[in-house]
Amino acid sequence: MSDLDRNYASPFGRAAGRIDAAAVDAGLRAYMLRIYNYMSIGLAITGLAALGVYMGAVTTDQSAAVAKFGNAYLTQFGYAMFVSPLKWLFILAPLAMVFVISAGINRLQPATAQLLFWVFSALMGLSLSSIFLVYTHTSIVRVFFITAATFGALSLYGYTTKRDMSGMGSFLFMGLIGIIIASLVNLFLASSALQFIVSIVGVLVFAGLTAWDTQRLKNDYIYGYASQGGVMAERAAITGALSLYLNFINLFTLLLQLLGQRD
């Protein structure tokens, strides 16, 4: 509250400024809670979609299997999802959805943007379903809770810190570009050492982005959406949830590469 008293000016004097600050503070809490709720629902959809695809893709009946993936026997559906060229459609579809949501958010109604976010979350679940074939289920659950605890601590830091983190944005973005380029190169090199380095650097970058994005969302509300509200604030909540969701998913997959036990 004291931060808002200092930073939020009112044209009606000090007393009115305190009232305004209280209103902004309450609105900020509701706004951030909405973002975290959207993100949590998206993660739940992703998890259910990934688990559902995995359950439909494998079979214990070897005579009914059409292919083998590691130690798992695949159904016809599993073959289409994880072996056939169709798999690239499910891998690339979430990326296309991110561009659709980001490019069209200012023209979309909030209900439409929400629906697209849920669709994106489901597609991400389809894309991530293969982790159940690669890693033990116990290690997936363990890494998920490690990610949740790490994400929660970093987001709380970004929300409460007095340090201005805006200068970190360009540095983190350059790190993200570097990770993408190195990952593409490693598709051809298949170097375990390079993959390890990418995973370590990636965890650091997305850890920083989690704190940075949280502070950015907080400041965007205080200095923008608090006075505007309505449709613009709702759209911003959805894109904010998308940003934090992507940070969480990337932290999870990178930590899984480092800490996950292969099946």
C-alpha atoms as a PDB file:
ATOM      1  CA  MET A   1       0.000   0.000   0.000  1.00  0.00           C
ATOM      2  CA  SER A   2       2.823   2.412   0.856  1.00  0.00           C
ATOM      3  CA  ASP A   3       4.223   2.027  -2.676  1.00  0.00           C
ATOM      4  CA  LEU A   4       0.926   3.099  -4.150  1.00  0.00           C
ATOM      5  CA  ASP A   5       0.658   6.061  -1.784  1.00  0.00           C
ATOM      6  CA  ARG A   6       4.014   7.310  -3.076  1.00  0.00           C
ATOM      7  CA  ASN A   7       3.579   6.483  -6.767  1.00  0.00           C
ATOM      8  CA  TYR A   8      -0.104   7.040  -7.517  1.00  0.00           C
ATOM      9  CA  ALA A   9      -0.896  10.755  -7.672  1.00  0.00           C
ATOM     10  CA  SER A  10      -4.411  12.202  -7.315  1.00  0.00           C
ATOM     11  CA  PRO A  11      -5.571  15.638  -8.488  1.00  0.00           C
ATOM     12  CA  PHE A  12      -7.730  15.972  -5.341  1.00  0.00           C
ATOM     13  CA  GLY A  13      -4.985  16.149  -2.764  1.00  0.00           C
ATOM     14  CA  ARG A  14      -3.284  13.850  -0.277  1.00  0.00           C
ATOM     15  CA  ALA A  15      -6.412  12.416   1.399  1.00  0.00           C
ATOM     16  CA  ALA A  16      -8.041  11.602  -1.902  1.00  0.00           C
ATOM     17  CA  GLY A  17      -4.747  10.153  -3.089  1.00  0.00           C
ATOM     18  CA  ARG A  18      -4.827   7.650  -0.234  1.00  0.00           C
ATOM     19  CA  ILE A  19      -8.377   6.643  -1.166  1.00  0.00           C
ATOM     20  CA  ASP A  20      -7.322   6.243  -4.789  1.00  0.00           C
ATOM     21  CA  ALA A  21      -4.309   4.200  -3.721  1.00  0.00           C
ATOM     22  CA  ALA A  22      -6.542   1.883  -1.699  1.00  0.00           C
ATOM     23  CA  ALA A  23      -8.787   1.385  -4.733  1.00  0.00           C
ATOM     24  CA  VAL A  24      -5.822   0.707  -6.995  1.00  0.00           C
ATOM     25  CA  ASP A  25      -4.364  -1.707  -4.448  1.00  0.00           C
ATOM     26  CA  ALA A  26      -7.612  -3.690  -4.291  1.00  0.00           C
ATOM     27  CA  GLY A  27      -7.928  -3.640  -8.071  1.00  0.00           C
ATOM     28  CA  LEU A  28      -4.328  -4.784  -8.468  1.00  0.00           C
ATOM     29  CA  ARG A  29      -4.878  -7.787  -6.208  1.00  0.00           C
ATOM     30  CA  ALA A  30      -7.997  -8.757  -8.151  1.00  0.00           C
ATOM     31  CA  TYR A  31      -6.194  -8.261 -11.469  1.00  0.00           C
ATOM     32  CA  MET A  32      -3.181 -10.398 -10.511  1.00  0.00           C
ATOM     33  CA  LEU A  33      -5.454 -13.077  -9.027  1.00  0.00           C
ATOM     34  CA  ARG A  34      -7.333 -13.201 -12.336  1.00  0.00           C
ATOM     35  CA  ILE A  35      -4.040 -13.665 -14.188  1.00  0.00           C
ATOM     36  CA  TYR A  36      -2.937 -16.503 -11.907  1.00  0.00           C
ATOM     37  CA  ASN A  37      -6.370 -18.145 -12.156  1.00  0.00           C
ATOM     38  CA  TYR A  38      -6.234 -18.075 -15.957  1.00  0.00           C
ATOM     39  CA  MET A  39      -2.700 -19.468 -15.887  1.00  0.00           C
ATOM     40  CA  SER A  40      -3.666 -22.251 -13.463  1.00  0.00           C
ATOM     41  CA  ILE A  41      -6.665 -23.276 -15.553  1.00  0.00           C
ATOM     42  CA  GLY A  42      -4.446 -23.318 -18.638  1.00  0.00           C
ATOM     43  CA  LEU A  43      -1.926 -25.562 -16.873  1.00  0.00           C
ATOM     44  CA  ALA A  44      -4.708 -27.900 -15.738  1.00  0.00           C
ATOM     45  CA  ILE A  45      -6.012 -28.165 -19.310  1.00  0.00           C
ATOM     46  CA  THR A  46      -2.482 -28.864 -20.547  1.00  0.00           C
ATOM     47  CA  GLY A  47      -1.918 -31.587 -17.968  1.00  0.00           C
ATOM     48  CA  LEU A  48      -5.250 -33.301 -18.640  1.00  0.00           C
ATOM     49  CA  ALA A  49      -4.744 -33.134 -22.414  1.00  0.00           C
ATOM     50  CA  ALA A  50      -1.216 -34.578 -22.153  1.00  0.00           C
ATOM     51  CA  LEU A  51      -2.344 -37.401 -19.871  1.00  0.00           C
ATOM     52  CA  GLY A  52      -5.397 -38.154 -22.024  1.00  0.00           C
ATOM     53  CA  VAL A  53      -3.294 -38.394 -25.195  1.00  0.00           C
ATOM     54  CA  TYR A  54      -0.764 -40.646 -23.482  1.00  0.00           C
ATOM     55  CA  MET A  55      -3.449 -43.002 -22.173  1.00  0.00           C
ATOM     56  CA  GLY A  56      -4.954 -43.287 -25.644  1.00  0.00           C
ATOM     57  CA  ALA A  57      -1.557 -43.715 -27.299  1.00  0.00           C
ATOM     58  CA  VAL A  58      -0.189 -46.723 -25.410  1.00  0.00           C
ATOM     59  CA  THR A  59      -1.403 -50.247 -24.843  1.00  0.00           C
ATOM     60  CA  THR A  60      -0.285 -53.188 -22.738  1.00  0.00           C
ATOM     61  CA  ASP A  61      -1.572 -55.609 -25.363  1.00  0.00           C
ATOM     62  CA  GLN A  62       1.420 -56.273 -27.611  1.00  0.00           C
ATOM     63  CA  SER A  63      -0.732 -58.009 -30.212  1.00  0.00           C
ATOM     64  CA  ALA A  64      -2.795 -54.822 -30.634  1.00  0.00           C
ATOM     65  CA  ALA A  65       0.244 -52.534 -30.867  1.00  0.00           C
ATOM     66  CA  VAL A  66       1.315 -51.123 -34.228  1.00  0.00           C
ATOM     67  CA  ALA A  67       4.719 -49.793 -33.129  1.00  0.00           C
ATOM     68  CA  LYS A  68       7.082 -49.594 -30.173  1.00  0.00           C
ATOM     69  CA  PHE A  69       8.421 -46.355 -28.708  1.00  0.00           C
ATOM     70  CA  GLY A  70      11.145 -47.069 -26.165  1.00  0.00           C
ATOM     71  CA  ASN A  71       9.522 -49.448 -23.690  1.00  0.00           C
ATOM     72  CA  ALA A  72       5.967 -48.468 -24.665  1.00  0.00           C
ATOM     73  CA  TYR A  73       3.696 -50.164 -27.184  1.00  0.00           C
ATOM     74  CA  LEU A  74       1.750 -47.706 -29.318  1.00  0.00           C
ATOM     75  CA  THR A  75      -1.777 -47.877 -30.617  1.00  0.00           C
ATOM     76  CA  GLN A  76      -2.667 -46.573 -34.071  1.00  0.00           C
ATOM     77  CA  PHE A  77      -3.462 -43.246 -32.420  1.00  0.00           C
ATOM     78  CA  GLY A  78      -0.104 -43.288 -30.628  1.00  0.00           C
ATOM     79  CA  TYR A  79       1.719 -44.020 -33.874  1.00  0.00           C
ATOM     80  CA  ALA A  80       0.039 -41.011 -35.506  1.00  0.00           C
ATOM     81  CA  MET A  81       0.891 -38.772 -32.539  1.00  0.00           C
ATOM     82  CA  PHE A  82       4.498 -39.768 -31.882  1.00  0.00           C
ATOM     83  CA  VAL A  83       5.941 -41.486 -34.967  1.00  0.00           C
ATOM     84  CA  SER A  84       4.172 -40.398 -38.159  1.00  0.00           C
ATOM     85  CA  PRO A  85       4.882 -37.024 -39.837  1.00  0.00           C
ATOM     86  CA  LEU A  86       1.607 -35.830 -38.302  1.00  0.00           C
ATOM     87  CA  LYS A  87       3.499 -35.344 -35.046  1.00  0.00           C
ATOM     88  CA  TRP A  88       5.032 -32.127 -36.440  1.00  0.00           C
ATOM     89  CA  LEU A  89       1.561 -30.618 -36.726  1.00  0.00           C
ATOM     90  CA  PHE A  90       1.005 -31.076 -32.995  1.00  0.00           C
ATOM     91  CA  ILE A  91       4.497 -29.849 -32.166  1.00  0.00           C
ATOM     92  CA  LEU A  92       4.183 -26.636 -34.206  1.00  0.00           C
ATOM     93  CA  ALA A  93       0.484 -25.885 -33.598  1.00  0.00           C
ATOM     94  CA  PRO A  94       1.038 -24.240 -30.159  1.00  0.00           C
ATOM     95  CA  LEU A  95       3.622 -21.892 -31.667  1.00  0.00           C
ATOM     96  CA  ALA A  96       1.131 -20.823 -34.334  1.00  0.00           C
ATOM     97  CA  MET A  97      -1.521 -20.235 -31.662  1.00  0.00           C
ATOM     98  CA  VAL A  98       0.831 -17.959 -29.689  1.00  0.00           C
ATOM     99  CA  PHE A  99       1.252 -15.754 -32.757  1.00  0.00           C
ATOM    100  CA  VAL A 100      -2.507 -15.717 -33.389  1.00  0.00           C
ATOM    101  CA  ILE A 101      -3.319 -14.657 -29.823  1.00  0.00           C
ATOM    102  CA  SER A 102      -0.488 -12.111 -29.578  1.00  0.00           C
ATOM    103  CA  ALA A 103      -1.177 -10.528 -32.965  1.00  0.00           C
ATOM    104  CA  GLY A 104      -4.952 -10.348 -32.592  1.00  0.00           C
ATOM    105  CA  ILE A 105      -5.414  -9.637 -28.888  1.00  0.00           C
ATOM    106  CA  ASN A 106      -6.307  -5.956 -29.399  1.00  0.00           C
ATOM    107  CA  ARG A 107      -9.087  -6.895 -31.835  1.00  0.00           C
ATOM    108  CA  LEU A 108     -10.479  -9.876 -29.944  1.00  0.00           C
ATOM    109  CA  GLN A 109     -13.295  -9.833 -27.453  1.00  0.00           C
ATOM    110  CA  PRO A 110     -12.144 -11.102 -24.032  1.00  0.00           C
ATOM    111  CA  ALA A 111     -14.360 -14.202 -24.305  1.00  0.00           C
ATOM    112  CA  THR A 112     -12.784 -15.077 -27.666  1.00  0.00           C
ATOM    113  CA  ALA A 113      -9.282 -14.475 -26.318  1.00  0.00           C
ATOM    114  CA  GLN A 114     -10.058 -16.746 -23.355  1.00  0.00           C
ATOM    115  CA  LEU A 115     -11.293 -19.494 -25.678  1.00  0.00           C
ATOM    116  CA  LEU A 116      -8.146 -19.243 -27.798  1.00  0.00           C
ATOM    117  CA  PHE A 117      -6.027 -19.473 -24.646  1.00  0.00           C
ATOM    118  CA  TRP A 118      -7.841 -22.669 -23.601  1.00  0.00           C
ATOM    119  CA  VAL A 119      -7.370 -24.110 -27.106  1.00  0.00           C
ATOM    120  CA  PHE A 120      -3.683 -23.191 -26.981  1.00  0.00           C
ATOM    121  CA  SER A 121      -3.346 -24.885 -23.574  1.00  0.00           C
ATOM    122  CA  ALA A 122      -4.918 -28.075 -24.954  1.00  0.00           C
ATOM    123  CA  LEU A 123      -2.610 -28.047 -27.987  1.00  0.00           C
ATOM    124  CA  MET A 124       0.362 -27.594 -25.692  1.00  0.00           C
ATOM    125  CA  GLY A 125      -0.814 -30.664 -23.802  1.00  0.00           C
ATOM    126  CA  LEU A 126      -0.832 -32.656 -27.050  1.00  0.00           C
ATOM    127  CA  SER A 127       2.690 -31.430 -27.782  1.00  0.00           C
ATOM    128  CA  LEU A 128       3.974 -32.326 -24.295  1.00  0.00           C
ATOM    129  CA  SER A 129       2.293 -35.739 -24.054  1.00  0.00           C
ATOM    130  CA  SER A 130       5.449 -37.484 -25.263  1.00  0.00           C
ATOM    131  CA  ILE A 131       7.199 -36.747 -21.947  1.00  0.00           C
ATOM    132  CA  PHE A 132       5.238 -39.656 -20.446  1.00  0.00           C
ATOM    133  CA  LEU A 133       7.041 -41.946 -22.895  1.00  0.00           C
ATOM    134  CA  VAL A 134      10.501 -40.540 -22.163  1.00  0.00           C
ATOM    135  CA  TYR A 135      10.544 -39.919 -18.396  1.00  0.00           C
ATOM    136  CA  THR A 136       9.274 -41.915 -15.443  1.00  0.00           C
ATOM    137  CA  HIS A 137       5.935 -40.699 -14.139  1.00  0.00           C
ATOM    138  CA  THR A 138       7.367 -40.238 -10.656  1.00  0.00           C
ATOM    139  CA  SER A 139      10.076 -37.890 -11.896  1.00  0.00           C
ATOM    140  CA  ILE A 140       7.539 -35.904 -13.956  1.00  0.00           C
ATOM    141  CA  VAL A 141       5.427 -35.303 -10.848  1.00  0.00           C
ATOM    142  CA  ARG A 142       8.513 -34.442  -8.775  1.00  0.00           C
ATOM    143  CA  VAL A 143       9.818 -31.937 -11.320  1.00  0.00           C
ATOM    144  CA  PHE A 144       6.358 -30.392 -11.657  1.00  0.00           C
ATOM    145  CA  PHE A 145       6.239 -29.588  -7.947  1.00  0.00           C
ATOM    146  CA  ILE A 146       9.823 -28.305  -8.028  1.00  0.00           C
ATOM    147  CA  THR A 147       8.817 -26.040 -10.914  1.00  0.00           C
ATOM    148  CA  ALA A 148       5.689 -24.856  -9.102  1.00  0.00           C
ATOM    149  CA  ALA A 149       7.676 -23.958  -5.976  1.00  0.00           C
ATOM    150  CA  THR A 150      10.396 -22.214  -7.999  1.00  0.00           C
ATOM    151  CA  PHE A 151       7.878 -20.311 -10.120  1.00  0.00           C
ATOM    152  CA  GLY A 152       5.899 -19.238  -7.058  1.00  0.00           C
ATOM    153  CA  ALA A 153       8.987 -17.909  -5.291  1.00  0.00           C
ATOM    154  CA  LEU A 154      10.215 -16.024  -8.373  1.00  0.00           C
ATOM    155  CA  SER A 155       6.817 -14.516  -9.120  1.00  0.00           C
ATOM    156  CA  LEU A 156       6.424 -13.435  -5.488  1.00  0.00           C
ATOM    157  CA  TYR A 157       9.838 -11.783  -5.677  1.00  0.00           C
ATOM    158  CA  GLY A 158       8.875  -9.932  -8.851  1.00  0.00           C
ATOM    159  CA  TYR A 159       5.662  -8.725  -7.220  1.00  0.00           C
ATOM    160  CA  THR A 160       7.157  -7.553  -3.922  1.00  0.00           C
ATOM    161  CA  THR A 161      10.668  -6.334  -4.786  1.00  0.00           C
ATOM    162  CA  LYS A 162      11.412  -2.610  -4.705  1.00  0.00           C
ATOM    163  CA  ARG A 163      14.157  -3.090  -7.292  1.00  0.00           C
ATOM    164  CA  ASP A 164      13.337  -1.817 -10.784  1.00  0.00           C
ATOM    165  CA  MET A 165      13.783  -4.825 -13.085  1.00  0.00           C
ATOM    166  CA  SER A 166      12.792  -3.090 -16.328  1.00  0.00           C
ATOM    167  CA  GLY A 167      16.413  -2.959 -17.499  1.00  0.00           C
ATOM    168  CA  MET A 168      16.620  -6.750 -17.441  1.00  0.00           C
ATOM    169  CA  GLY A 169      14.063  -7.132 -20.236  1.00  0.00           C
ATOM    170  CA  SER A 170      16.378  -6.651 -23.212  1.00  0.00           C
ATOM    171  CA  PHE A 171      19.086  -8.814 -21.644  1.00  0.00           C
ATOM    172  CA  LEU A 172      16.630 -11.661 -20.979  1.00  0.00           C
ATOM    173  CA  PHE A 173      15.198 -11.348 -24.490  1.00  0.00           C
ATOM    174  CA  MET A 174      18.688 -11.699 -25.997  1.00  0.00           C
ATOM    175  CA  GLY A 175      19.228 -14.756 -23.821  1.00  0.00           C
ATOM    176  CA  LEU A 176      15.954 -16.218 -25.079  1.00  0.00           C
ATOM    177  CA  ILE A 177      16.977 -15.682 -28.707  1.00  0.00           C
ATOM    178  CA  GLY A 178      20.290 -17.369 -27.976  1.00  0.00           C
ATOM    179  CA  ILE A 179      18.540 -20.380 -26.469  1.00  0.00           C
ATOM    180  CA  ILE A 180      16.274 -20.728 -29.506  1.00  0.00           C
ATOM    181  CA  ILE A 181      19.217 -20.561 -31.933  1.00  0.00           C
ATOM    182  CA  ALA A 182      21.282 -23.043 -29.911  1.00  0.00           C
ATOM    183  CA  SER A 183      18.326 -25.438 -29.689  1.00  0.00           C
ATOM    184  CA  LEU A 184      17.812 -25.315 -33.455  1.00  0.00           C
ATOM    185  CA  VAL A 185      21.506 -25.971 -34.064  1.00  0.00           C
ATOM    186  CA  ASN A 186      21.419 -28.887 -31.653  1.00  0.00           C
ATOM    187  CA  LEU A 187      18.633 -30.514 -33.665  1.00  0.00           C
ATOM    188  CA  PHE A 188      21.335 -31.288 -36.211  1.00  0.00           C
ATOM    189  CA  LEU A 189      24.303 -31.784 -33.859  1.00  0.00           C
ATOM    190  CA  ALA A 190      22.451 -33.863 -31.239  1.00  0.00           C
ATOM    191  CA  SER A 191      25.116 -32.887 -28.698  1.00  0.00           C
ATOM    192  CA  SER A 192      24.314 -33.848 -25.105  1.00  0.00           C
ATOM    193  CA  ALA A 193      26.848 -31.285 -23.828  1.00  0.00           C
ATOM    194  CA  LEU A 194      25.212 -28.465 -25.781  1.00  0.00           C
ATOM    195  CA  GLN A 195      21.776 -29.605 -24.628  1.00  0.00           C
ATOM    196  CA  PHE A 196      22.960 -29.503 -21.021  1.00  0.00           C
ATOM    197  CA  ILE A 197      24.272 -25.949 -21.460  1.00  0.00           C
ATOM    198  CA  VAL A 198      21.037 -24.849 -23.157  1.00  0.00           C
ATOM    199  CA  SER A 199      19.008 -26.327 -20.294  1.00  0.00           C
ATOM    200  CA  ILE A 200      21.084 -24.567 -17.613  1.00  0.00           C
ATOM    201  CA  VAL A 201      21.010 -21.189 -19.383  1.00  0.00           C
ATOM    202  CA  GLY A 202      17.344 -21.659 -20.221  1.00  0.00           C
ATOM    203  CA  VAL A 203      16.409 -22.200 -16.579  1.00  0.00           C
ATOM    204  CA  LEU A 204      18.222 -18.981 -15.631  1.00  0.00           C
ATOM    205  CA  VAL A 205      16.576 -17.007 -18.449  1.00  0.00           C
ATOM    206  CA  PHE A 206      13.036 -18.175 -17.698  1.00  0.00           C
ATOM    207  CA  ALA A 207      13.601 -17.713 -13.982  1.00  0.00           C
ATOM    208  CA  GLY A 208      14.483 -14.089 -14.710  1.00  0.00           C
ATOM    209  CA  LEU A 209      11.538 -13.710 -17.093  1.00  0.00           C
ATOM    210  CA  THR A 210       9.135 -14.983 -14.432  1.00  0.00           C
ATOM    211  CA  ALA A 211      10.151 -12.270 -11.976  1.00  0.00           C
ATOM    212  CA  TRP A 212      10.415  -9.627 -14.716  1.00  0.00           C
ATOM    213  CA  ASP A 213       7.014 -10.429 -16.225  1.00  0.00           C
ATOM    214  CA  THR A 214       5.349 -10.353 -12.805  1.00  0.00           C
ATOM    215  CA  GLN A 215       6.727  -6.895 -12.043  1.00  0.00           C
ATOM    216  CA  ARG A 216       5.819  -5.717 -15.560  1.00  0.00           C
ATOM    217  CA  LEU A 217       2.214  -6.902 -15.162  1.00  0.00           C
ATOM    218  CA  LYS A 218       1.976  -5.191 -11.777  1.00  0.00           C
ATOM    219  CA  ASN A 219       3.326  -1.886 -13.122  1.00  0.00           C
ATOM    220  CA  ASP A 220       1.156  -2.063 -16.250  1.00  0.00           C
ATOM    221  CA  TYR A 221      -1.913  -2.200 -14.043  1.00  0.00           C
ATOM    222  CA  ILE A 222      -0.851   0.566 -11.659  1.00  0.00           C
ATOM    223  CA  TYR A 223       0.161   3.018 -14.381  1.00  0.00           C
ATOM    224  CA  GLY A 224      -2.332   2.033 -17.059  1.00  0.00           C
ATOM    225  CA  TYR A 225      -5.197  -0.353 -16.550  1.00  0.00           C
ATOM    226  CA  ALA A 226      -6.163   0.927 -13.088  1.00  0.00           C
ATOM    227  CA  SER A 227      -7.602   4.055 -14.726  1.00  0.00           C
ATOM    228  CA  GLN A 228      -8.874   2.297 -17.871  1.00  0.00           C
ATOM    229  CA  GLY A 229     -10.199  -1.052 -16.661  1.00  0.00           C
ATOM    230  CA  GLY A 230     -12.924  -2.866 -18.569  1.00  0.00           C
ATOM    231  CA  VAL A 231     -12.147  -4.721 -21.770  1.00  0.00           C
ATOM    232  CA  MET A 232      -8.520  -3.540 -21.981  1.00  0.00           C
ATOM    233  CA  ALA A 233      -7.718  -4.816 -18.496  1.00  0.00           C
ATOM    234  CA  GLU A 234      -9.361  -8.163 -19.262  1.00  0.00           C
ATOM    235  CA  ARG A 235      -7.363  -8.551 -22.473  1.00  0.00           C
ATOM    236  CA  ALA A 236      -4.195  -7.651 -20.570  1.00  0.00           C
ATOM    237  CA  ALA A 237      -5.018 -10.275 -17.935  1.00  0.00           C
ATOM    238  CA  ILE A 238      -5.260 -12.959 -20.633  1.00  0.00           C
ATOM    239  CA  THR A 239      -1.979 -11.989 -22.314  1.00  0.00           C
ATOM    240  CA  GLY A 240      -0.382 -11.743 -18.879  1.00  0.00           C
ATOM    241  CA  ALA A 241      -1.575 -15.258 -18.067  1.00  0.00           C
ATOM    242  CA  LEU A 242      -0.151 -16.432 -21.388  1.00  0.00           C
ATOM    243  CA  SER A 243       3.255 -14.905 -20.566  1.00  0.00           C
ATOM    244  CA  LEU A 244       3.439 -16.512 -17.127  1.00  0.00           C
ATOM    245  CA  TYR A 245       2.079 -19.806 -18.493  1.00  0.00           C
ATOM    246  CA  LEU A 246       4.863 -19.944 -21.100  1.00  0.00           C
ATOM    247  CA  ASN A 247       7.470 -19.170 -18.438  1.00  0.00           C
ATOM    248  CA  PHE A 248       6.131 -22.013 -16.286  1.00  0.00           C
ATOM    249  CA  ILE A 249       5.993 -24.537 -19.146  1.00  0.00           C
ATOM    250  CA  ASN A 250       9.514 -23.697 -20.301  1.00  0.00           C
ATOM    251  CA  LEU A 251      10.885 -23.891 -16.752  1.00  0.00           C
ATOM    252  CA  PHE A 252       9.187 -27.265 -16.339  1.00  0.00           C
ATOM    253  CA  THR A 253      10.515 -28.788 -19.570  1.00  0.00           C
ATOM    254  CA  LEU A 254      14.051 -27.482 -18.978  1.00  0.00           C
ATOM    255  CA  LEU A 255      14.130 -28.717 -15.385  1.00  0.00           C
ATOM    256  CA  LEU A 256      12.749 -32.049 -16.591  1.00  0.00           C
ATOM    257  CA  GLN A 257      15.681 -32.355 -18.989  1.00  0.00           C
ATOM    258  CA  LEU A 258      18.064 -31.689 -16.102  1.00  0.00           C
ATOM    259  CA  LEU A 259      16.369 -33.570 -13.261  1.00  0.00           C
ATOM    260  CA  GLY A 260      14.001 -36.033 -14.911  1.00  0.00           C
ATOM    261  CA  GLN A 261      14.712 -39.748 -14.747  1.00  0.00           C
ATOM    262  CA  ARG A 262      14.426 -41.371 -18.157  1.00  0.00           C
ATOM    263  CA  ASP A 263      12.189 -44.401 -18.482  1.00  0.00           C
END
